[in-house]
Amino acid sequence: MTTPTSTCVALWSAIVLLIVPATIAGASGQTDMGNLTIQVTGLRVTKGYLVIMVSDSAATFFTRERSFAVVRVRPSGTSATVSLRGIPRGTYAVSAFLDENANNTLDRTVKGIPKERIGFSNNPRVKNPPPPFERCAFVLDAADMTLTVDLR
């Protein structure tokens, strides 16, 4: 059931996605910017939300609150594509999870193992704890880059 609060959160997520890259692009010029397209595969259900977090350091990796960018979208099939424009060129890592019950968190077992599907850039094997930033890191050094994250 969609509540006014969940609708507001979804709308706010979409607004942040649009404002943050545009602000960064305007502040530092277009020559040091790139566009990142993230294709997420392995979606088995279309309920809940797909949460994609782009981090620019180990300190911000796999944390929604401190990530460079966070996108939260409703899945509509077995894959989803999100494009981020005007991102400063540099080193990043992507983490994603399918928040099936829309509780805005990655659910885990008592042992800390994720109950919901998760994935990372470079598609390392998913274990507990998650892989380090360095194993998932990639360099955005072109005008356009596309990467695929497989949820497992």
N, C-alpha and C. Protein backbone atom coordinates (compact mmCIF):
# COMPACT_ATOMS: atom_id res chain seq x y z
N MET A 1 0.84 -1.18 0.00
CA MET A 1 0.00 0.00 0.00
C MET A 1 0.88 1.24 0.00
N THR A 2 0.59 2.18 -0.85
CA THR A 2 1.35 3.40 -0.92
C THR A 2 0.78 4.40 0.08
N THR A 3 1.64 4.90 0.93
CA THR A 3 1.23 5.90 1.90
C THR A 3 1.75 7.25 1.44
N PRO A 4 1.20 8.35 1.98
CA PRO A 4 1.73 9.66 1.62
C PRO A 4 3.21 9.78 1.94
N THR A 5 3.66 9.15 3.03
CA THR A 5 5.07 9.22 3.40
C THR A 5 5.93 8.49 2.39
N SER A 6 5.54 7.27 1.97
CA SER A 6 6.36 6.53 1.01
C SER A 6 6.37 7.23 -0.35
N THR A 7 5.25 7.84 -0.73
CA THR A 7 5.21 8.58 -1.98
C THR A 7 6.13 9.78 -1.90
N CYS A 8 6.14 10.46 -0.78
CA CYS A 8 7.00 11.61 -0.59
C CYS A 8 8.48 11.20 -0.63
N VAL A 9 8.83 10.07 0.00
CA VAL A 9 10.20 9.59 0.01
C VAL A 9 10.64 9.25 -1.41
N ALA A 10 9.78 8.57 -2.16
CA ALA A 10 10.11 8.21 -3.54
C ALA A 10 10.29 9.46 -4.39
N LEU A 11 9.41 10.44 -4.23
CA LEU A 11 9.50 11.68 -4.98
C LEU A 11 10.77 12.43 -4.59
N TRP A 12 11.07 12.51 -3.31
CA TRP A 12 12.27 13.19 -2.84
C TRP A 12 13.52 12.52 -3.41
N SER A 13 13.54 11.18 -3.47
CA SER A 13 14.67 10.46 -4.05
C SER A 13 14.87 10.86 -5.50
N ALA A 14 13.79 10.96 -6.25
CA ALA A 14 13.89 11.34 -7.65
C ALA A 14 14.39 12.78 -7.79
N ILE A 15 13.94 13.68 -6.93
CA ILE A 15 14.38 15.07 -6.98
C ILE A 15 15.86 15.17 -6.66
N VAL A 16 16.33 14.46 -5.65
CA VAL A 16 17.75 14.49 -5.30
C VAL A 16 18.58 13.99 -6.48
N LEU A 17 18.13 12.92 -7.13
CA LEU A 17 18.84 12.38 -8.29
C LEU A 17 18.99 13.44 -9.38
N LEU A 18 17.98 14.25 -9.58
CA LEU A 18 18.04 15.25 -10.63
C LEU A 18 18.85 16.47 -10.23
N ILE A 19 18.78 16.91 -9.00
CA ILE A 19 19.43 18.14 -8.56
C ILE A 19 20.93 17.95 -8.34
N VAL A 20 21.34 16.90 -7.66
CA VAL A 20 22.74 16.75 -7.28
C VAL A 20 23.67 16.75 -8.48
N PRO A 21 23.48 15.89 -9.49
CA PRO A 21 24.40 15.93 -10.63
C PRO A 21 24.38 17.27 -11.37
N ALA A 22 23.22 17.89 -11.51
CA ALA A 22 23.14 19.16 -12.21
C ALA A 22 23.91 20.24 -11.47
N THR A 23 23.84 20.24 -10.16
CA THR A 23 24.56 21.22 -9.35
C THR A 23 26.05 21.02 -9.48
N ILE A 24 26.50 19.78 -9.43
CA ILE A 24 27.92 19.50 -9.53
C ILE A 24 28.44 19.90 -10.90
N ALA A 25 27.69 19.59 -11.96
CA ALA A 25 28.12 19.92 -13.31
C ALA A 25 28.24 21.43 -13.48
N GLY A 26 27.30 22.19 -12.93
CA GLY A 26 27.33 23.63 -13.07
C GLY A 26 28.47 24.26 -12.30
N ALA A 27 28.88 23.65 -11.20
CA ALA A 27 29.90 24.24 -10.35
C ALA A 27 31.31 24.04 -10.89
N SER A 28 31.58 22.93 -11.57
CA SER A 28 32.97 22.66 -11.92
C SER A 28 33.21 22.53 -13.43
N GLY A 29 32.25 22.83 -14.27
CA GLY A 29 32.46 22.77 -15.70
C GLY A 29 32.25 21.39 -16.27
N GLN A 30 32.11 21.30 -17.58
CA GLN A 30 31.77 20.05 -18.22
C GLN A 30 32.98 19.18 -18.56
N THR A 31 34.19 19.73 -18.61
CA THR A 31 35.33 18.95 -19.08
C THR A 31 35.72 17.82 -18.15
N ASP A 32 35.45 17.93 -16.88
CA ASP A 32 35.82 16.90 -15.91
C ASP A 32 34.63 16.03 -15.53
N MET A 33 33.60 16.03 -16.35
CA MET A 33 32.38 15.31 -16.03
C MET A 33 32.20 14.10 -16.94
N GLY A 34 31.46 13.13 -16.42
CA GLY A 34 31.10 11.96 -17.21
C GLY A 34 29.68 11.55 -16.89
N ASN A 35 29.16 10.66 -17.70
CA ASN A 35 27.82 10.11 -17.49
C ASN A 35 27.96 8.64 -17.20
N LEU A 36 27.26 8.18 -16.18
CA LEU A 36 27.35 6.79 -15.76
C LEU A 36 25.98 6.12 -15.89
N THR A 37 25.93 5.06 -16.67
CA THR A 37 24.71 4.28 -16.81
C THR A 37 24.92 2.96 -16.08
N ILE A 38 24.01 2.64 -15.18
CA ILE A 38 24.10 1.42 -14.37
C ILE A 38 22.93 0.51 -14.75
N GLN A 39 23.27 -0.66 -15.26
CA GLN A 39 22.26 -1.67 -15.58
C GLN A 39 22.29 -2.70 -14.46
N VAL A 40 21.14 -2.93 -13.83
CA VAL A 40 21.04 -3.90 -12.75
C VAL A 40 20.23 -5.08 -13.25
N THR A 41 20.80 -6.27 -13.15
CA THR A 41 20.12 -7.49 -13.59
C THR A 41 19.88 -8.39 -12.38
N GLY A 42 19.09 -9.41 -12.57
CA GLY A 42 18.84 -10.36 -11.49
C GLY A 42 17.68 -9.99 -10.59
N LEU A 43 16.82 -9.11 -11.06
CA LEU A 43 15.63 -8.77 -10.29
C LEU A 43 14.62 -9.90 -10.48
N ARG A 44 14.25 -10.55 -9.42
CA ARG A 44 13.31 -11.67 -9.53
C ARG A 44 11.88 -11.29 -9.22
N VAL A 45 11.71 -10.17 -8.55
CA VAL A 45 10.37 -9.69 -8.22
C VAL A 45 10.28 -8.22 -8.58
N THR A 46 9.07 -7.73 -8.74
CA THR A 46 8.88 -6.32 -9.06
C THR A 46 8.21 -5.57 -7.92
N LYS A 47 8.31 -6.11 -6.72
CA LYS A 47 7.75 -5.39 -5.58
C LYS A 47 8.88 -4.72 -4.81
N GLY A 48 8.52 -3.73 -4.05
CA GLY A 48 9.53 -3.01 -3.28
C GLY A 48 10.27 -2.00 -4.13
N TYR A 49 11.53 -1.76 -3.76
CA TYR A 49 12.37 -0.77 -4.43
C TYR A 49 13.74 -1.33 -4.72
N LEU A 50 14.33 -0.88 -5.81
CA LEU A 50 15.73 -1.14 -6.10
C LEU A 50 16.51 0.06 -5.59
N VAL A 51 17.48 -0.18 -4.73
CA VAL A 51 18.30 0.89 -4.16
C VAL A 51 19.70 0.76 -4.73
N ILE A 52 20.18 1.83 -5.37
CA ILE A 52 21.51 1.85 -5.96
C ILE A 52 22.31 2.97 -5.29
N MET A 53 23.48 2.62 -4.77
CA MET A 53 24.33 3.59 -4.08
C MET A 53 25.66 3.70 -4.82
N VAL A 54 26.06 4.93 -5.15
CA VAL A 54 27.34 5.18 -5.80
C VAL A 54 28.23 5.85 -4.76
N SER A 55 29.37 5.22 -4.50
CA SER A 55 30.30 5.72 -3.47
C SER A 55 31.60 6.15 -4.11
N ASP A 56 32.23 7.16 -3.52
CA ASP A 56 33.50 7.64 -4.06
C ASP A 56 34.69 7.38 -3.14
N SER A 57 34.47 6.58 -2.08
CA SER A 57 35.57 6.22 -1.17
C SER A 57 35.17 5.00 -0.34
N ALA A 58 36.16 4.39 0.26
CA ALA A 58 35.89 3.23 1.13
C ALA A 58 35.03 3.65 2.32
N ALA A 59 35.21 4.88 2.79
CA ALA A 59 34.46 5.35 3.96
C ALA A 59 32.97 5.49 3.67
N THR A 60 32.61 5.69 2.41
CA THR A 60 31.20 5.89 2.07
C THR A 60 30.59 4.67 1.39
N PHE A 61 31.38 3.63 1.17
CA PHE A 61 30.91 2.46 0.43
C PHE A 61 29.87 1.68 1.22
N PHE A 62 28.78 1.32 0.53
CA PHE A 62 27.69 0.51 1.07
C PHE A 62 26.99 1.19 2.24
N THR A 63 27.00 2.52 2.23
CA THR A 63 26.27 3.30 3.24
C THR A 63 25.39 4.31 2.50
N ARG A 64 24.13 4.23 2.72
CA ARG A 64 23.20 5.10 2.03
C ARG A 64 23.37 6.56 2.46
N GLU A 65 23.59 6.78 3.72
CA GLU A 65 23.64 8.14 4.25
C GLU A 65 24.84 8.93 3.73
N ARG A 66 25.95 8.26 3.43
CA ARG A 66 27.16 8.99 3.05
C ARG A 66 27.59 8.75 1.61
N SER A 67 26.80 8.06 0.83
CA SER A 67 27.15 7.79 -0.56
C SER A 67 27.13 9.06 -1.39
N PHE A 68 27.89 9.05 -2.47
CA PHE A 68 27.93 10.18 -3.40
C PHE A 68 26.55 10.41 -4.02
N ALA A 69 25.90 9.32 -4.42
CA ALA A 69 24.56 9.41 -4.99
C ALA A 69 23.78 8.16 -4.61
N VAL A 70 22.48 8.33 -4.36
CA VAL A 70 21.60 7.21 -4.05
C VAL A 70 20.36 7.33 -4.93
N VAL A 71 20.01 6.22 -5.57
CA VAL A 71 18.83 6.19 -6.42
C VAL A 71 17.93 5.09 -5.89
N ARG A 72 16.65 5.39 -5.76
CA ARG A 72 15.66 4.42 -5.28
C ARG A 72 14.52 4.42 -6.28
N VAL A 73 14.35 3.28 -6.99
CA VAL A 73 13.33 3.19 -8.03
C VAL A 73 12.52 1.91 -7.88
N ARG A 74 11.29 1.95 -8.39
CA ARG A 74 10.47 0.74 -8.40
C ARG A 74 10.86 -0.10 -9.60
N PRO A 75 11.17 -1.38 -9.39
CA PRO A 75 11.50 -2.24 -10.52
C PRO A 75 10.25 -2.56 -11.34
N SER A 76 10.44 -2.76 -12.64
CA SER A 76 9.29 -3.09 -13.48
C SER A 76 9.54 -4.33 -14.32
N GLY A 77 10.64 -5.02 -14.10
CA GLY A 77 10.95 -6.22 -14.86
C GLY A 77 12.12 -6.94 -14.21
N THR A 78 12.84 -7.74 -15.00
CA THR A 78 13.97 -8.50 -14.46
C THR A 78 15.26 -7.71 -14.46
N SER A 79 15.23 -6.50 -15.02
CA SER A 79 16.41 -5.63 -15.00
C SER A 79 15.95 -4.18 -14.93
N ALA A 80 16.89 -3.32 -14.57
CA ALA A 80 16.59 -1.88 -14.49
C ALA A 80 17.83 -1.11 -14.92
N THR A 81 17.63 0.05 -15.51
CA THR A 81 18.73 0.90 -15.94
C THR A 81 18.53 2.29 -15.37
N VAL A 82 19.61 2.82 -14.80
CA VAL A 82 19.60 4.16 -14.22
C VAL A 82 20.78 4.93 -14.81
N SER A 83 20.56 6.17 -15.21
CA SER A 83 21.63 7.00 -15.75
C SER A 83 21.86 8.20 -14.85
N LEU A 84 23.11 8.43 -14.53
CA LEU A 84 23.52 9.59 -13.75
C LEU A 84 24.36 10.47 -14.66
N ARG A 85 24.03 11.72 -14.76
CA ARG A 85 24.72 12.64 -15.68
C ARG A 85 25.50 13.68 -14.89
N GLY A 86 26.62 14.13 -15.47
CA GLY A 86 27.40 15.20 -14.87
C GLY A 86 28.12 14.79 -13.60
N ILE A 87 28.65 13.58 -13.59
CA ILE A 87 29.39 13.10 -12.41
C ILE A 87 30.87 13.43 -12.61
N PRO A 88 31.54 13.98 -11.60
CA PRO A 88 32.97 14.25 -11.73
C PRO A 88 33.73 12.96 -12.03
N ARG A 89 34.67 13.04 -12.95
CA ARG A 89 35.47 11.85 -13.25
C ARG A 89 36.28 11.48 -12.02
N GLY A 90 36.42 10.17 -11.80
CA GLY A 90 37.14 9.70 -10.63
C GLY A 90 36.86 8.23 -10.38
N THR A 91 37.22 7.78 -9.20
CA THR A 91 37.04 6.38 -8.81
C THR A 91 35.78 6.24 -7.98
N TYR A 92 34.96 5.25 -8.34
CA TYR A 92 33.69 5.00 -7.67
C TYR A 92 33.49 3.50 -7.49
N ALA A 93 32.52 3.13 -6.68
CA ALA A 93 32.04 1.76 -6.55
C ALA A 93 30.52 1.84 -6.39
N VAL A 94 29.84 0.85 -6.95
CA VAL A 94 28.38 0.81 -6.88
C VAL A 94 27.95 -0.39 -6.06
N SER A 95 26.98 -0.18 -5.20
CA SER A 95 26.33 -1.27 -4.48
C SER A 95 24.83 -1.11 -4.70
N ALA A 96 24.13 -2.25 -4.76
CA ALA A 96 22.70 -2.20 -5.00
C ALA A 96 22.02 -3.34 -4.26
N PHE A 97 20.77 -3.12 -3.87
CA PHE A 97 19.98 -4.20 -3.29
C PHE A 97 18.51 -3.99 -3.63
N LEU A 98 17.79 -5.09 -3.64
CA LEU A 98 16.36 -5.05 -3.91
C LEU A 98 15.63 -5.09 -2.58
N ASP A 99 15.10 -3.95 -2.19
CA ASP A 99 14.36 -3.81 -0.92
C ASP A 99 12.94 -4.31 -1.16
N GLU A 100 12.78 -5.64 -1.12
CA GLU A 100 11.51 -6.26 -1.50
C GLU A 100 10.33 -5.84 -0.64
N ASN A 101 10.55 -5.63 0.64
CA ASN A 101 9.44 -5.27 1.52
C ASN A 101 9.33 -3.76 1.73
N ALA A 102 10.13 -2.98 1.01
CA ALA A 102 10.07 -1.51 1.03
C ALA A 102 10.19 -0.92 2.44
N ASN A 103 11.04 -1.55 3.27
CA ASN A 103 11.23 -1.02 4.62
C ASN A 103 12.45 -0.10 4.70
N ASN A 104 13.03 0.21 3.53
CA ASN A 104 14.13 1.16 3.42
C ASN A 104 15.42 0.68 4.08
N THR A 105 15.59 -0.64 4.17
CA THR A 105 16.82 -1.20 4.74
C THR A 105 17.08 -2.57 4.12
N LEU A 106 18.34 -2.99 4.13
CA LEU A 106 18.70 -4.32 3.65
C LEU A 106 18.46 -5.29 4.81
N ASP A 107 17.50 -6.18 4.64
CA ASP A 107 17.18 -7.14 5.69
C ASP A 107 18.24 -8.23 5.74
N ARG A 108 18.60 -8.63 6.97
CA ARG A 108 19.63 -9.64 7.17
C ARG A 108 19.16 -10.71 8.16
N THR A 109 19.81 -11.88 8.09
CA THR A 109 19.53 -12.93 9.05
C THR A 109 20.21 -12.59 10.37
N VAL A 110 20.01 -13.42 11.38
CA VAL A 110 20.66 -13.22 12.68
C VAL A 110 22.18 -13.23 12.53
N LYS A 111 22.68 -14.00 11.56
CA LYS A 111 24.13 -14.07 11.32
C LYS A 111 24.65 -12.93 10.46
N GLY A 112 23.77 -12.03 10.03
CA GLY A 112 24.19 -10.88 9.23
C GLY A 112 24.18 -11.12 7.73
N ILE A 113 23.72 -12.26 7.29
CA ILE A 113 23.67 -12.58 5.87
C ILE A 113 22.45 -11.90 5.25
N PRO A 114 22.63 -11.21 4.11
CA PRO A 114 21.49 -10.52 3.49
C PRO A 114 20.37 -11.48 3.10
N LYS A 115 19.14 -11.09 3.41
CA LYS A 115 17.96 -11.84 3.01
C LYS A 115 17.47 -11.38 1.63
N GLU A 116 17.85 -10.17 1.25
CA GLU A 116 17.41 -9.61 -0.02
C GLU A 116 18.59 -9.63 -1.00
N ARG A 117 18.28 -9.61 -2.28
CA ARG A 117 19.30 -9.72 -3.31
C ARG A 117 20.17 -8.46 -3.33
N ILE A 118 21.51 -8.67 -3.40
CA ILE A 118 22.45 -7.56 -3.44
C ILE A 118 23.46 -7.78 -4.57
N GLY A 119 24.11 -6.70 -4.98
CA GLY A 119 25.14 -6.78 -6.00
C GLY A 119 26.05 -5.58 -5.95
N PHE A 120 27.19 -5.70 -6.62
CA PHE A 120 28.23 -4.67 -6.58
C PHE A 120 28.85 -4.49 -7.96
N SER A 121 29.44 -3.32 -8.21
CA SER A 121 30.17 -3.13 -9.46
C SER A 121 31.33 -4.13 -9.50
N ASN A 122 31.73 -4.52 -10.68
CA ASN A 122 32.72 -5.57 -10.94
C ASN A 122 32.19 -6.96 -10.59
N ASN A 123 31.00 -7.04 -10.06
CA ASN A 123 30.31 -8.30 -9.75
C ASN A 123 31.16 -9.32 -8.98
N PRO A 124 31.78 -8.90 -7.86
CA PRO A 124 32.50 -9.88 -7.05
C PRO A 124 31.53 -10.84 -6.40
N ARG A 125 32.02 -11.95 -5.98
CA ARG A 125 31.18 -12.93 -5.29
C ARG A 125 30.67 -12.30 -3.99
N VAL A 126 29.38 -12.43 -3.75
CA VAL A 126 28.77 -11.81 -2.58
C VAL A 126 28.93 -12.73 -1.38
N LYS A 127 29.56 -12.20 -0.35
CA LYS A 127 29.75 -12.94 0.89
C LYS A 127 29.40 -12.01 2.04
N ASN A 128 29.55 -12.50 3.23
CA ASN A 128 29.35 -11.67 4.40
C ASN A 128 30.67 -11.61 5.14
N PRO A 129 31.27 -10.46 5.33
CA PRO A 129 30.78 -9.12 5.01
C PRO A 129 30.87 -8.83 3.51
N PRO A 130 30.30 -7.70 3.08
CA PRO A 130 30.36 -7.35 1.66
C PRO A 130 31.82 -7.14 1.24
N PRO A 131 32.09 -7.22 -0.07
CA PRO A 131 33.46 -7.01 -0.55
C PRO A 131 33.91 -5.59 -0.25
N PRO A 132 35.22 -5.37 -0.15
CA PRO A 132 35.72 -4.02 0.12
C PRO A 132 35.59 -3.11 -1.10
N PHE A 133 35.64 -1.83 -0.86
CA PHE A 133 35.54 -0.81 -1.92
C PHE A 133 36.51 -1.11 -3.05
N GLU A 134 37.73 -1.47 -2.73
CA GLU A 134 38.77 -1.68 -3.73
C GLU A 134 38.41 -2.78 -4.74
N ARG A 135 37.71 -3.82 -4.32
CA ARG A 135 37.31 -4.90 -5.24
C ARG A 135 36.17 -4.48 -6.16
N CYS A 136 35.44 -3.48 -5.76
CA CYS A 136 34.29 -3.04 -6.54
C CYS A 136 34.57 -1.75 -7.30
N ALA A 137 35.72 -1.13 -7.05
CA ALA A 137 36.02 0.18 -7.62
C ALA A 137 36.25 0.13 -9.13
N PHE A 138 35.87 1.21 -9.79
CA PHE A 138 36.11 1.41 -11.22
C PHE A 138 36.41 2.89 -11.41
N VAL A 139 37.04 3.21 -12.53
CA VAL A 139 37.39 4.60 -12.81
C VAL A 139 36.47 5.13 -13.90
N LEU A 140 35.77 6.19 -13.57
CA LEU A 140 34.95 6.91 -14.56
C LEU A 140 35.89 7.93 -15.19
N ASP A 141 36.40 7.61 -16.39
CA ASP A 141 37.37 8.49 -17.04
C ASP A 141 37.01 8.79 -18.49
N ALA A 142 35.75 8.55 -18.83
CA ALA A 142 35.26 8.80 -20.18
C ALA A 142 33.99 9.63 -20.10
N ALA A 143 33.58 10.15 -21.24
CA ALA A 143 32.36 10.96 -21.28
C ALA A 143 31.14 10.12 -20.92
N ASP A 144 31.13 8.85 -21.35
CA ASP A 144 30.02 7.94 -21.06
C ASP A 144 30.56 6.58 -20.67
N MET A 145 29.97 6.00 -19.65
CA MET A 145 30.37 4.67 -19.19
C MET A 145 29.12 3.90 -18.78
N THR A 146 29.08 2.62 -19.13
CA THR A 146 27.99 1.74 -18.74
C THR A 146 28.57 0.57 -17.99
N LEU A 147 27.95 0.22 -16.87
CA LEU A 147 28.37 -0.98 -16.15
C LEU A 147 27.15 -1.77 -15.74
N THR A 148 27.37 -3.07 -15.53
CA THR A 148 26.29 -3.96 -15.15
C THR A 148 26.54 -4.50 -13.75
N VAL A 149 25.50 -4.47 -12.93
CA VAL A 149 25.55 -5.02 -11.57
C VAL A 149 24.56 -6.17 -11.54
N ASP A 150 25.04 -7.37 -11.22
CA ASP A 150 24.18 -8.54 -11.12
C ASP A 150 23.78 -8.76 -9.66
N LEU A 151 22.49 -8.74 -9.39
CA LEU A 151 22.01 -9.03 -8.04
C LEU A 151 22.01 -10.53 -7.83
N ARG A 152 22.46 -10.95 -6.65
CA ARG A 152 22.50 -12.36 -6.31
C ARG A 152 21.89 -12.57 -4.96
